[in-house]
C-alpha atoms as a PDB file:
ATOM      1  CA  MET A   1     124.303 136.699 146.637  1.00  0.00           C
ATOM      2  CA  LEU A   2     127.440 135.580 149.259  1.00  0.00           C
ATOM      3  CA  ALA A   3     125.350 134.441 152.296  1.00  0.00           C
ATOM      4  CA  ASP A   4     128.859 134.890 154.719  1.00  0.00           C
ATOM      5  CA  ASP A   5     129.509 134.149 158.533  1.00  0.00           C
ATOM      6  CA  ASP A   6     131.546 136.660 158.851  1.00  0.00           C
ATOM      7  CA  PRO A   7     130.596 137.890 162.866  1.00  0.00           C
ATOM      8  CA  ARG A   8     130.667 141.397 161.688  1.00  0.00           C
ATOM      9  CA  TRP A   9     126.828 140.777 160.134  1.00  0.00           C
ATOM     10  CA  PRO A  10     123.592 141.004 161.833  1.00  0.00           C
ATOM     11  CA  LEU A  11     122.006 138.008 160.322  1.00  0.00           C
ATOM     12  CA  ASP A  12     123.769 134.452 160.058  1.00  0.00           C
ATOM     13  CA  PRO A  13     124.192 133.108 156.651  1.00  0.00           C
ATOM     14  CA  VAL A  14     121.194 130.923 156.628  1.00  0.00           C
ATOM     15  CA  ALA A  15     118.868 134.567 157.686  1.00  0.00           C
ATOM     16  CA  GLN A  16     121.059 135.945 154.793  1.00  0.00           C
ATOM     17  CA  ALA A  17     119.530 133.294 152.083  1.00  0.00           C
ATOM     18  CA  GLU A  18     115.948 133.610 152.909  1.00  0.00           C
ATOM     19  CA  THR A  19     116.207 137.701 152.301  1.00  0.00           C
ATOM     20  CA  ALA A  20     118.353 137.253 149.436  1.00  0.00           C
ATOM     21  CA  CYS A  21     115.638 134.590 148.207  1.00  0.00           C
ATOM     22  CA  ARG A  22     112.961 137.025 149.167  1.00  0.00           C
ATOM     23  CA  GLY A  23     114.741 139.724 146.883  1.00  0.00           C
ATOM     24  CA  GLY A  24     114.813 137.220 144.104  1.00  0.00           C
ATOM     25  CA  ALA A  25     118.359 136.138 144.334  1.00  0.00           C
ATOM     26  CA  ARG A  26     119.678 134.044 141.434  1.00  0.00           C
ATOM     27  CA  VAL A  27     122.394 132.647 143.087  1.00  0.00           C
ATOM     28  CA  VAL A  28     123.106 131.899 146.605  1.00  0.00           C
ATOM     29  CA  GLN A  29     126.738 131.403 147.593  1.00  0.00           C
ATOM     30  CA  LEU A  30     127.891 129.862 151.372  1.00  0.00           C
ATOM     31  CA  ARG A  31     131.338 131.022 152.501  1.00  0.00           C
ATOM     32  CA  ALA A  32     131.737 129.722 155.827  1.00  0.00           C
ATOM     33  CA  LYS A  33     135.057 130.520 156.937  1.00  0.00           C
ATOM     34  CA  HIS A  34     134.534 130.705 160.668  1.00  0.00           C
ATOM     35  CA  ALA A  35     132.182 127.768 161.268  1.00  0.00           C
ATOM     36  CA  SER A  36     132.533 123.967 162.255  1.00  0.00           C
ATOM     37  CA  ASP A  37     132.597 121.658 159.426  1.00  0.00           C
ATOM     38  CA  SER A  38     129.062 120.280 161.150  1.00  0.00           C
ATOM     39  CA  LEU A  39     127.799 123.889 161.183  1.00  0.00           C
ATOM     40  CA  ALA A  40     128.573 124.903 157.862  1.00  0.00           C
ATOM     41  CA  LEU A  41     126.839 121.674 156.862  1.00  0.00           C
ATOM     42  CA  GLU A  42     123.692 122.277 158.542  1.00  0.00           C
ATOM     43  CA  TRP A  43     123.697 126.100 157.060  1.00  0.00           C
ATOM     44  CA  ALA A  44     124.281 124.373 153.528  1.00  0.00           C
ATOM     45  CA  ARG A  45     121.232 121.725 153.828  1.00  0.00           C
ATOM     46  CA  GLU A  46     118.887 125.076 155.555  1.00  0.00           C
ATOM     47  CA  ILE A  47     119.882 127.031 152.229  1.00  0.00           C
ATOM     48  CA  ARG A  48     119.349 124.159 149.709  1.00  0.00           C
ATOM     49  CA  ALA A  49     116.040 124.163 150.847  1.00  0.00           C
ATOM     50  CA  LEU A  50     115.767 127.738 150.696  1.00  0.00           C
ATOM     51  CA  THR A  51     116.932 127.444 147.378  1.00  0.00           C
ATOM     52  CA  HIS A  52     115.039 124.923 146.286  1.00  0.00           C
ATOM     53  CA  ALA A  53     112.187 126.688 147.144  1.00  0.00           C
ATOM     54  CA  CYS A  54     112.344 130.332 145.665  1.00  0.00           C
ATOM     55  CA  GLY A  55     114.317 128.818 142.123  1.00  0.00           C
ATOM     56  CA  ALA A  56     117.629 129.826 143.064  1.00  0.00           C
ATOM     57  CA  ARG A  57     121.306 127.668 142.547  1.00  0.00           C
ATOM     58  CA  PHE A  58     123.333 127.123 145.495  1.00  0.00           C
ATOM     59  CA  VAL A  59     126.739 126.845 145.287  1.00  0.00           C
ATOM     60  CA  VAL A  60     129.131 126.269 148.443  1.00  0.00           C
ATOM     61  CA  ASN A  61     132.346 127.987 148.670  1.00  0.00           C
ATOM     62  CA  ASP A  62     136.259 125.650 149.007  1.00  0.00           C
ATOM     63  CA  ARG A  63     134.432 122.265 149.753  1.00  0.00           C
ATOM     64  CA  PHE A  64     133.363 119.917 146.917  1.00  0.00           C
ATOM     65  CA  ASP A  65     132.921 117.463 150.093  1.00  0.00           C
ATOM     66  CA  LEU A  66     130.245 119.975 151.906  1.00  0.00           C
ATOM     67  CA  ALA A  67     128.870 120.696 148.550  1.00  0.00           C
ATOM     68  CA  LEU A  68     128.064 117.273 147.806  1.00  0.00           C
ATOM     69  CA  ALA A  69     126.876 116.393 150.909  1.00  0.00           C
ATOM     70  CA  ALA A  70     124.324 119.440 151.112  1.00  0.00           C
ATOM     71  CA  SER A  71     123.037 118.520 147.352  1.00  0.00           C
ATOM     72  CA  ALA A  72     124.060 122.338 146.049  1.00  0.00           C
ATOM     73  CA  ASP A  73     124.723 122.787 142.075  1.00  0.00           C
ATOM     74  CA  ALA A  74     128.007 124.300 142.390  1.00  0.00           C
ATOM     75  CA  VAL A  75     131.293 124.378 144.332  1.00  0.00           C
ATOM     76  CA  HIS A  76     133.320 127.601 143.931  1.00  0.00           C
ATOM     77  CA  LEU A  77     137.641 126.981 144.488  1.00  0.00           C
ATOM     78  CA  GLY A  78     139.793 129.889 145.394  1.00  0.00           C
ATOM     79  CA  GLN A  79     143.630 129.917 143.954  1.00  0.00           C
ATOM     80  CA  ARG A  80     144.282 128.203 147.592  1.00  0.00           C
ATOM     81  CA  ASP A  81     141.678 125.501 148.098  1.00  0.00           C
ATOM     82  CA  LEU A  82     141.879 122.056 146.013  1.00  0.00           C
ATOM     83  CA  PRO A  83     142.745 122.460 141.986  1.00  0.00           C
ATOM     84  CA  PRO A  84     139.803 121.159 140.045  1.00  0.00           C
ATOM     85  CA  ALA A  85     141.800 118.695 138.946  1.00  0.00           C
ATOM     86  CA  GLY A  86     141.746 117.565 142.286  1.00  0.00           C
ATOM     87  CA  VAL A  87     137.996 116.948 142.376  1.00  0.00           C
ATOM     88  CA  PRO A  88     137.248 112.781 141.496  1.00  0.00           C
ATOM     89  CA  ALA A  89     135.540 112.345 138.494  1.00  0.00           C
ATOM     90  CA  GLU A  90     132.286 111.112 139.728  1.00  0.00           C
ATOM     91  CA  VAL A  91     131.718 114.100 141.735  1.00  0.00           C
ATOM     92  CA  ARG A  92     132.498 116.546 139.294  1.00  0.00           C
ATOM     93  CA  ALA A  93     129.528 114.787 137.033  1.00  0.00           C
ATOM     94  CA  GLU A  94     127.053 116.396 140.071  1.00  0.00           C
ATOM     95  CA  LEU A  95     128.910 119.894 140.620  1.00  0.00           C
ATOM     96  CA  ALA A  96     129.496 122.530 138.588  1.00  0.00           C
ATOM     97  CA  ILE A  97     132.588 124.258 138.961  1.00  0.00           C
ATOM     98  CA  GLY A  98     134.065 127.521 139.555  1.00  0.00           C
ATOM     99  CA  ARG A  99     137.136 129.347 139.899  1.00  0.00           C
ATOM    100  CA  SER A 100     138.004 132.600 141.817  1.00  0.00           C
ATOM    101  CA  THR A 101     141.146 134.552 139.467  1.00  0.00           C
ATOM    102  CA  HIS A 102     142.608 137.814 140.952  1.00  0.00           C
ATOM    103  CA  THR A 103     145.131 138.445 138.143  1.00  0.00           C
ATOM    104  CA  LEU A 104     145.279 137.995 134.267  1.00  0.00           C
ATOM    105  CA  GLU A 105     147.727 135.332 134.350  1.00  0.00           C
ATOM    106  CA  GLN A 106     145.424 133.404 136.687  1.00  0.00           C
ATOM    107  CA  ALA A 107     142.385 133.577 134.216  1.00  0.00           C
ATOM    108  CA  ARG A 108     144.507 132.519 131.403  1.00  0.00           C
ATOM    109  CA  ALA A 109     145.535 129.329 133.600  1.00  0.00           C
ATOM    110  CA  SER A 110     141.904 128.800 134.293  1.00  0.00           C
ATOM    111  CA  ARG A 111     141.288 128.042 130.643  1.00  0.00           C
ATOM    112  CA  ARG A 112     143.261 125.054 130.922  1.00  0.00           C
ATOM    113  CA  GLU A 113     141.016 124.065 133.591  1.00  0.00           C
ATOM    114  CA  SER A 114     137.879 121.695 134.215  1.00  0.00           C
ATOM    115  CA  ILE A 115     135.481 124.646 135.067  1.00  0.00           C
ATOM    116  CA  ASP A 116     132.293 125.677 134.379  1.00  0.00           C
ATOM    117  CA  TYR A 117     132.601 129.835 135.469  1.00  0.00           C
ATOM    118  CA  VAL A 118     134.906 131.955 136.145  1.00  0.00           C
ATOM    119  CA  ALA A 119     135.024 134.518 138.330  1.00  0.00           C
ATOM    120  CA  PHE A 120     137.833 137.942 138.551  1.00  0.00           C
ATOM    121  CA  GLY A 121     138.315 140.521 141.222  1.00  0.00           C
ATOM    122  CA  PRO A 122     138.448 142.447 143.511  1.00  0.00           C
ATOM    123  CA  VAL A 123     137.025 144.686 140.688  1.00  0.00           C
ATOM    124  CA  PHE A 124     136.738 147.434 143.135  1.00  0.00           C
ATOM    125  CA  THR A 125     138.246 148.256 146.808  1.00  0.00           C
ATOM    126  CA  THR A 126     136.493 145.539 149.059  1.00  0.00           C
ATOM    127  CA  HIS A 127     136.144 145.266 152.919  1.00  0.00           C
ATOM    128  CA  SER A 128     134.185 142.099 152.923  1.00  0.00           C
ATOM    129  CA  LYS A 129     137.132 139.922 152.897  1.00  0.00           C
ATOM    130  CA  ASP A 130     140.898 140.348 153.309  1.00  0.00           C
ATOM    131  CA  SER A 131     142.433 140.421 149.940  1.00  0.00           C
ATOM    132  CA  GLU A 132     146.113 140.220 148.948  1.00  0.00           C
ATOM    133  CA  TYR A 133     144.970 141.921 145.704  1.00  0.00           C
ATOM    134  CA  PRO A 134     144.371 145.359 144.638  1.00  0.00           C
ATOM    135  CA  GLU A 135     141.476 147.000 142.926  1.00  0.00           C
ATOM    136  CA  ARG A 136     141.349 145.440 139.332  1.00  0.00           C
ATOM    137  CA  GLY A 137     139.091 147.744 138.001  1.00  0.00           C
ATOM    138  CA  LEU A 138     136.916 147.882 134.873  1.00  0.00           C
ATOM    139  CA  ALA A 139     139.885 147.601 132.210  1.00  0.00           C
ATOM    140  CA  LEU A 140     141.372 144.258 133.273  1.00  0.00           C
ATOM    141  CA  LEU A 141     137.618 142.620 134.091  1.00  0.00           C
ATOM    142  CA  ALA A 142     136.942 143.662 130.466  1.00  0.00           C
ATOM    143  CA  GLU A 143     140.308 141.766 129.721  1.00  0.00           C
ATOM    144  CA  ALA A 144     139.300 138.969 131.337  1.00  0.00           C
ATOM    145  CA  VAL A 145     135.973 138.822 130.038  1.00  0.00           C
ATOM    146  CA  GLU A 146     138.001 137.991 126.931  1.00  0.00           C
ATOM    147  CA  ILE A 147     140.627 135.692 127.874  1.00  0.00           C
ATOM    148  CA  VAL A 148     138.158 133.251 129.514  1.00  0.00           C
ATOM    149  CA  SER A 149     135.701 133.163 126.923  1.00  0.00           C
ATOM    150  CA  PRO A 150     133.111 131.312 126.124  1.00  0.00           C
ATOM    151  CA  LEU A 151     133.182 130.531 129.899  1.00  0.00           C
ATOM    152  CA  PRO A 152     131.274 133.583 131.787  1.00  0.00           C
ATOM    153  CA  LEU A 153     132.773 135.472 134.057  1.00  0.00           C
ATOM    154  CA  VAL A 154     131.232 136.620 137.266  1.00  0.00           C
ATOM    155  CA  ALA A 155     132.738 139.889 138.710  1.00  0.00           C
ATOM    156  CA  ILE A 156     133.572 139.892 142.286  1.00  0.00           C
ATOM    157  CA  GLY A 157     135.038 142.527 145.503  1.00  0.00           C
ATOM    158  CA  GLY A 158     133.240 146.008 146.216  1.00  0.00           C
ATOM    159  CA  LEU A 159     129.758 145.652 144.264  1.00  0.00           C
ATOM    160  CA  ALA A 160     127.376 147.678 145.331  1.00  0.00           C
ATOM    161  CA  THR A 161     123.699 149.203 143.108  1.00  0.00           C
ATOM    162  CA  GLU A 162     125.764 152.054 142.089  1.00  0.00           C
ATOM    163  CA  ASN A 163     128.386 150.261 140.352  1.00  0.00           C
ATOM    164  CA  ILE A 164     126.846 146.909 139.284  1.00  0.00           C
ATOM    165  CA  ALA A 165     125.455 148.008 135.976  1.00  0.00           C
ATOM    166  CA  SER A 166     129.299 148.957 135.352  1.00  0.00           C
ATOM    167  CA  VAL A 167     130.829 145.360 135.412  1.00  0.00           C
ATOM    168  CA  MET A 168     127.556 144.141 133.166  1.00  0.00           C
ATOM    169  CA  ARG A 169     128.818 146.573 130.703  1.00  0.00           C
ATOM    170  CA  ALA A 170     132.533 145.585 130.585  1.00  0.00           C
ATOM    171  CA  GLY A 171     131.093 141.779 129.629  1.00  0.00           C
ATOM    172  CA  ALA A 172     130.957 139.927 133.338  1.00  0.00           C
ATOM    173  CA  LEU A 173     127.740 137.770 132.878  1.00  0.00           C
ATOM    174  CA  GLY A 174     126.911 138.332 136.809  1.00  0.00           C
ATOM    175  CA  ALA A 175     128.030 140.037 139.977  1.00  0.00           C
ATOM    176  CA  ALA A 176     128.676 138.283 143.435  1.00  0.00           C
ATOM    177  CA  VAL A 177     127.821 140.899 146.341  1.00  0.00           C
ATOM    178  CA  ILE A 178     128.144 140.078 150.332  1.00  0.00           C
ATOM    179  CA  SER A 179     128.191 143.898 151.884  1.00  0.00           C
ATOM    180  CA  ALA A 180     125.108 145.439 150.588  1.00  0.00           C
ATOM    181  CA  VAL A 181     123.134 142.626 151.295  1.00  0.00           C
ATOM    182  CA  ALA A 182     124.357 141.008 154.568  1.00  0.00           C
ATOM    183  CA  GLY A 183     125.346 144.651 156.077  1.00  0.00           C
ATOM    184  CA  GLY A 184     122.015 146.570 154.788  1.00  0.00           C
ATOM    185  CA  VAL A 185     119.296 147.748 156.449  1.00  0.00           C
ATOM    186  CA  ASP A 186     116.989 145.691 154.569  1.00  0.00           C
ATOM    187  CA  PRO A 187     118.488 142.901 152.578  1.00  0.00           C
ATOM    188  CA  VAL A 188     115.559 142.017 150.786  1.00  0.00           C
ATOM    189  CA  ARG A 189     115.062 145.581 149.435  1.00  0.00           C
ATOM    190  CA  ALA A 190     118.964 145.304 148.698  1.00  0.00           C
ATOM    191  CA  THR A 191     118.699 142.707 146.921  1.00  0.00           C
ATOM    192  CA  GLN A 192     116.044 143.881 144.958  1.00  0.00           C
ATOM    193  CA  GLU A 193     118.017 147.250 144.209  1.00  0.00           C
ATOM    194  CA  LEU A 194     121.123 145.676 142.846  1.00  0.00           C
ATOM    195  CA  LEU A 195     119.092 142.894 140.686  1.00  0.00           C
ATOM    196  CA  GLN A 196     117.459 145.784 138.848  1.00  0.00           C
ATOM    197  CA  ALA A 197     121.118 147.401 138.618  1.00  0.00           C
ATOM    198  CA  LEU A 198     122.389 144.337 136.888  1.00  0.00           C
ATOM    199  CA  GLU A 199     119.323 144.094 134.469  1.00  0.00           C
ATOM    200  CA  ASP A 200     119.957 147.603 133.300  1.00  0.00           C
ATOM    201  CA  GLY A 201     123.447 146.950 132.857  1.00  0.00           C
ATOM    202  CA  THR A 202     123.112 144.172 131.013  1.00  0.00           C
ATOM    203  CA  ARG A 203     120.277 145.998 129.067  1.00  0.00           C
ATOM    204  CA  ARG A 204     122.778 148.512 127.996  1.00  0.00           C
ATOM    205  CA  GLU A 205     125.419 146.048 126.987  1.00  0.00           C
ATOM    206  CA  ALA A 206     123.366 144.631 124.744  1.00  0.00           C
ATOM    207  CA  VAL A 207     121.871 147.981 123.060  1.00  0.00           C
ATOM    208  CA  SER A 208     125.638 149.168 122.680  1.00  0.00           C
ATOM    209  CA  ARG A 209     126.304 145.547 120.646  1.00  0.00           C
END
């Protein structure tokens, strides 16, 4: 689940993370595009404490320095962020690195980078963030899964309870969600329903094999 600081959401990132943890989220990722560095770090440290308490992993978007300062588990880098090769070796020893990809060419390029997992999307149309890329669809997602293997792939973009099982059946290991939780009337229940749908998709994929 992404804890996002877009002002449209009724809860701030820390409150989003807290509800996601109560709902059973296994990973919380801080996406702070609007906040100052000092506020982002404050949020990151609070979310780190929450995720420690609930046993979830914590990821910081874009900034390895903030991730390191908050004792995060990982940093997630977009195509316009510092490339993984630019992360100092001593930091690399402390943080796992994820990489966003939006095309099959970017997915192939990610295999030559020192990273731990790949995100691919938007799989479906998303209104949670501006994207220069149109909907990728499940067929391209499945191709990306094959391209980056054996690295795990996380699906991103337009994911909700009604479609999250389909990305698991396409081979994704996980899914990143913003609006389905952050914009939900009951974020705790929304998280629980998403996890149930994700597990259902994982079971169906296992049976199909």
